[in-house]
N, C-alpha and C. Protein backbone atom coordinates (compact mmCIF):
# COMPACT_ATOMS: atom_id res chain seq x y z
N UNK A 1 38.00 -45.28 -41.75
CA UNK A 1 38.60 -47.01 -42.23
C UNK A 1 38.95 -48.08 -41.72
N UNK A 2 38.56 -48.42 -40.47
CA UNK A 2 37.30 -49.27 -40.02
C UNK A 2 38.82 -51.21 -39.33
N UNK A 3 38.23 -52.02 -39.11
CA UNK A 3 39.94 -52.70 -39.11
C UNK A 3 40.05 -53.92 -40.45
N UNK A 4 40.99 -54.00 -40.07
CA UNK A 4 40.97 -54.59 -41.88
C UNK A 4 41.14 -55.97 -41.40
N UNK A 5 40.97 -56.98 -42.63
CA UNK A 5 39.96 -58.25 -42.35
C UNK A 5 41.22 -59.36 -43.46
N UNK A 6 41.91 -60.45 -42.70
CA UNK A 6 42.98 -61.17 -43.20
C UNK A 6 42.45 -62.97 -43.43
N UNK A 7 42.18 -63.35 -44.65
CA UNK A 7 40.97 -64.73 -43.69
C UNK A 7 42.57 -65.65 -44.99
N UNK A 8 42.64 -66.71 -43.84
CA UNK A 8 43.22 -67.46 -45.27
C UNK A 8 42.48 -68.73 -45.08
N UNK A 9 42.02 -69.55 -47.11
CA UNK A 9 41.58 -70.61 -46.69
C UNK A 9 42.17 -71.94 -47.24
N UNK A 10 41.99 -72.78 -47.04
CA UNK A 10 43.00 -74.27 -47.09
C UNK A 10 41.90 -74.64 -48.15
N UNK A 11 42.20 -75.51 -49.42
CA UNK A 11 41.50 -76.45 -50.36
C UNK A 11 42.07 -77.39 -50.80
N UNK A 12 41.94 -78.36 -51.19
CA UNK A 12 43.04 -79.72 -51.35
C UNK A 12 41.85 -80.34 -52.51
N UNK A 13 42.88 -81.40 -52.52
CA UNK A 13 41.13 -82.55 -53.76
C UNK A 13 43.03 -83.64 -53.67
N UNK A 14 42.53 -84.97 -54.00
CA UNK A 14 43.65 -86.13 -54.03
C UNK A 14 44.77 -85.60 -53.86
N UNK A 15 45.32 -84.95 -54.90
CA UNK A 15 46.63 -84.56 -55.37
C UNK A 15 47.10 -83.17 -55.94
N UNK A 16 46.85 -82.42 -54.23
CA UNK A 16 47.13 -80.96 -54.79
C UNK A 16 46.18 -79.64 -53.44
N UNK A 17 47.39 -78.85 -53.34
CA UNK A 17 46.60 -77.81 -51.77
C UNK A 17 46.94 -76.99 -52.76
N UNK A 18 45.57 -76.14 -52.02
CA UNK A 18 45.82 -74.49 -52.42
C UNK A 18 45.44 -73.97 -51.76
N UNK A 19 45.94 -72.62 -51.21
CA UNK A 19 46.15 -71.85 -49.57
C UNK A 19 46.10 -70.40 -50.56
N UNK A 20 44.73 -70.01 -50.15
CA UNK A 20 44.06 -68.56 -50.34
C UNK A 20 45.00 -67.43 -49.47
N UNK A 21 44.93 -66.03 -49.47
CA UNK A 21 44.77 -65.68 -48.63
C UNK A 21 44.68 -63.89 -49.14
N UNK A 22 43.96 -63.93 -48.45
CA UNK A 22 42.71 -63.40 -49.27
C UNK A 22 42.88 -61.32 -48.12
N UNK A 23 43.71 -59.71 -48.19
CA UNK A 23 42.60 -59.50 -47.00
C UNK A 23 42.04 -58.10 -48.11
N UNK A 24 40.79 -57.05 -47.25
CA UNK A 24 40.49 -55.54 -47.57
C UNK A 24 41.17 -55.17 -48.13
N UNK A 25 42.74 -55.41 -47.82
CA UNK A 25 42.87 -54.01 -47.49
C UNK A 25 42.49 -52.88 -48.90
N UNK A 26 43.78 -51.82 -49.28
CA UNK A 26 43.99 -50.67 -49.81
C UNK A 26 43.72 -51.91 -51.84
N UNK A 27 43.90 -53.34 -51.74
CA UNK A 27 43.94 -53.79 -53.22
C UNK A 27 45.65 -53.01 -54.38
N UNK A 28 45.33 -53.68 -55.47
CA UNK A 28 46.90 -53.26 -55.84
C UNK A 28 46.77 -52.49 -57.56
N UNK A 29 46.44 -51.22 -58.47
CA UNK A 29 45.84 -50.94 -59.06
C UNK A 29 46.27 -51.91 -60.53
N UNK A 30 45.19 -51.95 -61.04
CA UNK A 30 45.06 -52.81 -62.54
C UNK A 30 46.61 -53.44 -62.62
N UNK A 31 47.50 -52.06 -63.52
CA UNK A 31 48.52 -51.52 -64.37
C UNK A 31 49.95 -52.76 -63.36
N UNK A 32 49.20 -52.23 -61.72
CA UNK A 32 50.42 -53.27 -60.50
C UNK A 32 50.75 -54.49 -61.52
N UNK A 33 49.45 -54.72 -60.43
CA UNK A 33 49.05 -56.49 -60.50
C UNK A 33 49.41 -56.53 -62.20
N UNK A 34 48.78 -56.28 -63.13
CA UNK A 34 49.56 -56.75 -64.08
C UNK A 34 50.91 -57.50 -63.86
N UNK A 35 52.20 -55.97 -63.88
CA UNK A 35 52.53 -56.18 -63.43
C UNK A 35 53.48 -57.48 -63.11
N UNK A 36 52.76 -57.66 -61.79
CA UNK A 36 53.87 -58.77 -60.49
C UNK A 36 52.96 -60.00 -61.96
N UNK A 37 51.97 -59.75 -62.47
CA UNK A 37 51.12 -61.69 -62.25
C UNK A 37 52.61 -61.59 -63.93
N UNK A 38 52.78 -60.59 -64.44
CA UNK A 38 53.74 -60.48 -65.44
C UNK A 38 55.05 -61.15 -65.16
N UNK A 39 55.75 -60.46 -64.06
CA UNK A 39 57.18 -60.89 -63.61
C UNK A 39 56.70 -62.36 -62.59
N UNK A 40 55.57 -62.77 -62.16
CA UNK A 40 55.55 -63.70 -62.27
C UNK A 40 56.09 -65.59 -63.57
N UNK A 41 55.35 -64.96 -64.50
CA UNK A 41 56.43 -65.64 -66.15
C UNK A 41 57.25 -65.12 -66.09
N UNK A 42 57.83 -65.20 -66.11
CA UNK A 42 59.13 -64.66 -66.55
C UNK A 42 60.73 -65.49 -65.75
N UNK A 43 62.20 -65.66 -66.72
CA UNK A 43 62.88 -66.59 -66.67
C UNK A 43 63.29 -66.38 -64.93
N UNK A 44 63.31 -64.70 -65.94
CA UNK A 44 65.27 -63.54 -64.68
C UNK A 44 63.49 -63.09 -63.92
N UNK A 45 63.81 -62.08 -62.83
CA UNK A 45 63.46 -61.20 -61.83
C UNK A 45 64.25 -60.29 -62.59
N UNK A 46 63.13 -59.30 -63.28
CA UNK A 46 62.96 -58.05 -63.36
C UNK A 46 63.30 -56.33 -62.15
N UNK A 47 63.75 -55.41 -62.07
CA UNK A 47 64.31 -55.20 -61.43
C UNK A 47 63.17 -54.57 -60.80
N UNK A 48 62.02 -54.02 -61.48
CA UNK A 48 61.12 -53.78 -61.42
C UNK A 48 59.75 -54.77 -60.36
N UNK A 49 60.29 -56.00 -60.12
CA UNK A 49 59.29 -57.26 -60.28
C UNK A 49 59.16 -57.20 -58.54
N UNK A 50 58.34 -57.62 -57.97
CA UNK A 50 59.25 -58.12 -56.51
C UNK A 50 59.51 -59.12 -56.56
N UNK A 51 60.65 -58.87 -55.59
CA UNK A 51 61.82 -60.21 -55.22
C UNK A 51 60.95 -60.97 -54.27
N UNK A 52 60.27 -61.00 -52.77
CA UNK A 52 59.29 -62.21 -52.63
C UNK A 52 58.94 -62.82 -53.20
N UNK A 53 57.69 -62.09 -54.34
CA UNK A 53 56.56 -63.45 -55.20
C UNK A 53 57.64 -64.41 -56.31
N UNK A 54 58.35 -63.06 -56.52
CA UNK A 54 59.18 -64.03 -57.73
C UNK A 54 59.36 -65.40 -57.39
N UNK A 55 61.23 -64.60 -56.60
CA UNK A 55 61.49 -66.46 -55.43
C UNK A 55 60.44 -66.74 -54.92
N UNK A 56 59.54 -66.89 -54.84
CA UNK A 56 58.67 -67.55 -54.34
C UNK A 56 58.06 -68.89 -54.90
N UNK A 57 57.00 -68.06 -55.75
CA UNK A 57 57.24 -68.87 -57.34
C UNK A 57 58.10 -69.86 -57.93
N UNK A 58 59.37 -69.19 -58.23
CA UNK A 58 60.35 -69.23 -59.00
C UNK A 58 60.22 -70.91 -58.42
N UNK A 59 60.40 -70.34 -57.06
CA UNK A 59 61.74 -71.53 -56.22
C UNK A 59 60.01 -73.17 -56.73
N UNK A 60 58.70 -72.55 -55.14
CA UNK A 60 57.92 -73.87 -56.35
C UNK A 60 58.19 -74.79 -57.19
N UNK A 61 57.72 -73.75 -58.34
CA UNK A 61 57.24 -74.71 -59.92
C UNK A 61 59.07 -74.96 -60.31
N UNK A 62 60.10 -75.01 -59.55
CA UNK A 62 61.29 -75.60 -59.91
C UNK A 62 60.81 -76.95 -59.29
N UNK A 63 60.79 -76.57 -58.36
CA UNK A 63 60.61 -78.14 -57.17
C UNK A 63 59.15 -78.66 -57.47
N UNK A 64 58.50 -78.12 -58.22
CA UNK A 64 56.80 -78.83 -58.45
C UNK A 64 56.39 -79.02 -59.88
N UNK A 65 56.87 -78.26 -60.50
CA UNK A 65 56.35 -77.67 -61.85
C UNK A 65 55.75 -76.82 -61.96
N UNK A 66 55.20 -77.04 -64.16
CA UNK A 66 55.27 -75.52 -63.72
C UNK A 66 53.74 -74.76 -63.84
N UNK A 67 52.82 -76.33 -62.73
CA UNK A 67 51.77 -75.76 -63.35
C UNK A 67 51.21 -75.28 -61.91
N UNK A 68 51.92 -75.06 -61.15
CA UNK A 68 52.32 -74.97 -59.48
C UNK A 68 53.22 -73.71 -59.23
N UNK A 69 52.86 -73.27 -58.57
CA UNK A 69 52.87 -72.14 -57.42
C UNK A 69 51.72 -71.24 -57.42
N UNK A 70 51.88 -69.56 -57.42
CA UNK A 70 51.35 -67.55 -56.92
C UNK A 70 50.54 -67.69 -58.82
N UNK A 71 48.89 -67.18 -57.51
CA UNK A 71 49.05 -67.36 -58.40
C UNK A 71 48.21 -65.65 -57.56
N UNK A 72 47.96 -63.59 -58.43
CA UNK A 72 47.81 -62.81 -57.91
C UNK A 72 45.82 -62.57 -58.01
N UNK A 73 45.32 -61.60 -56.96
CA UNK A 73 44.10 -61.82 -58.32
C UNK A 73 43.40 -59.59 -57.32
N UNK A 74 43.19 -58.47 -57.52
CA UNK A 74 42.81 -57.62 -57.07
C UNK A 74 42.67 -57.19 -57.22
N UNK A 75 42.00 -56.15 -56.54
CA UNK A 75 40.11 -55.37 -57.05
C UNK A 75 41.14 -54.08 -56.56
N UNK A 76 41.41 -52.90 -56.82
CA UNK A 76 42.01 -51.81 -56.73
C UNK A 76 41.05 -50.86 -54.99
N UNK A 77 41.11 -50.91 -54.04
CA UNK A 77 40.47 -49.78 -52.68
C UNK A 77 39.56 -51.28 -52.35
N UNK A 78 39.36 -52.63 -52.64
CA UNK A 78 38.70 -53.65 -52.05
C UNK A 78 39.07 -54.94 -51.42
N UNK A 79 39.64 -55.20 -52.11
CA UNK A 79 40.62 -56.62 -52.48
C UNK A 79 42.33 -56.72 -52.33
N UNK A 80 43.03 -57.50 -52.00
CA UNK A 80 44.32 -59.63 -52.47
C UNK A 80 43.90 -59.94 -52.45
N UNK A 81 44.53 -61.12 -53.22
CA UNK A 81 44.04 -61.93 -52.94
C UNK A 81 45.93 -62.65 -53.04
N UNK A 82 46.42 -63.06 -52.24
CA UNK A 82 47.49 -64.07 -52.94
C UNK A 82 46.80 -66.34 -53.30
N UNK A 83 47.55 -67.06 -54.14
CA UNK A 83 46.99 -67.59 -54.48
C UNK A 83 48.39 -69.43 -54.32
N UNK A 84 48.92 -70.10 -53.42
CA UNK A 84 49.39 -70.52 -53.60
C UNK A 84 49.74 -71.88 -54.33
N UNK A 85 49.89 -73.05 -55.07
CA UNK A 85 49.39 -73.68 -55.81
C UNK A 85 50.61 -74.75 -55.04
N UNK A 86 50.29 -76.11 -54.67
CA UNK A 86 50.79 -77.13 -54.38
C UNK A 86 50.31 -78.37 -54.26
N UNK A 87 51.51 -79.29 -54.42
CA UNK A 87 50.89 -80.42 -55.08
C UNK A 87 51.14 -81.09 -53.52
N UNK A 88 49.76 -82.07 -53.00
CA UNK A 88 49.98 -82.15 -52.38
C UNK A 88 50.86 -84.09 -51.41
N UNK A 89 51.89 -84.17 -51.32
CA UNK A 89 52.83 -84.45 -50.91
C UNK A 89 53.16 -85.41 -49.64
N UNK A 90 53.32 -86.17 -48.93
CA UNK A 90 54.26 -86.88 -48.11
C UNK A 90 55.39 -86.61 -48.14
N UNK A 91 56.01 -86.65 -46.70
CA UNK A 91 57.22 -86.53 -45.90
C UNK A 91 58.49 -87.09 -46.44
N UNK A 92 57.93 -88.65 -46.38
CA UNK A 92 58.65 -89.20 -48.50
C UNK A 92 59.07 -88.92 -48.75
N UNK A 93 57.85 -88.13 -49.70
CA UNK A 93 57.67 -87.53 -50.97
C UNK A 93 58.15 -86.43 -51.22
N UNK A 94 58.36 -86.19 -49.77
CA UNK A 94 59.18 -85.29 -50.32
C UNK A 94 60.91 -85.16 -50.56
N UNK A 95 61.19 -85.61 -49.99
CA UNK A 95 62.64 -85.99 -49.61
C UNK A 95 62.88 -86.97 -51.25
N UNK A 96 61.87 -87.53 -51.48
CA UNK A 96 62.56 -88.77 -53.03
C UNK A 96 62.82 -87.39 -53.64
N UNK A 97 61.92 -86.15 -54.42
CA UNK A 97 62.10 -85.04 -55.24
C UNK A 97 62.79 -84.31 -55.09
N UNK A 98 63.05 -84.06 -53.03
CA UNK A 98 64.67 -82.94 -53.01
C UNK A 98 65.72 -83.91 -53.02
N UNK A 99 65.88 -84.89 -53.08
CA UNK A 99 66.55 -86.00 -53.41
C UNK A 99 67.26 -85.73 -55.58
N UNK A 100 65.36 -86.66 -55.98
CA UNK A 100 66.40 -85.92 -57.17
C UNK A 100 65.89 -85.56 -57.77
N UNK A 101 65.96 -84.73 -57.06
CA UNK A 101 66.10 -82.35 -57.39
C UNK A 101 67.52 -82.05 -57.74
N UNK A 102 68.28 -82.77 -56.49
CA UNK A 102 69.57 -82.68 -56.54
C UNK A 102 70.32 -83.45 -57.82
N UNK A 103 70.10 -84.25 -58.04
CA UNK A 103 70.98 -85.29 -58.41
C UNK A 103 71.19 -85.98 -57.71
N UNK A 104 71.31 -86.57 -57.11
CA UNK A 104 70.93 -87.76 -55.43
C UNK A 104 70.95 -89.18 -55.99
């Protein structure tokens, strides 16, 4: 089996940050990755969906918009990669967004 590896990559553009977490573990079957991807698109969590992934993705999209959130990629027996995309913001911008979201 050997040593597992986890890699964190951070990419940025003028207005976006993308974090990729990649591992060389067992990967996820095509059927399961399909279910997980579908669950990330749902408005409400279904029983079989991963609550953690669903919740994180939902919060990112509610806070920043539908163009942001999680993406999943995997090949069984080779790797899994989860990508988190969020807008670049300054602390003040973030506070302003939070106040608008709360209706203040």
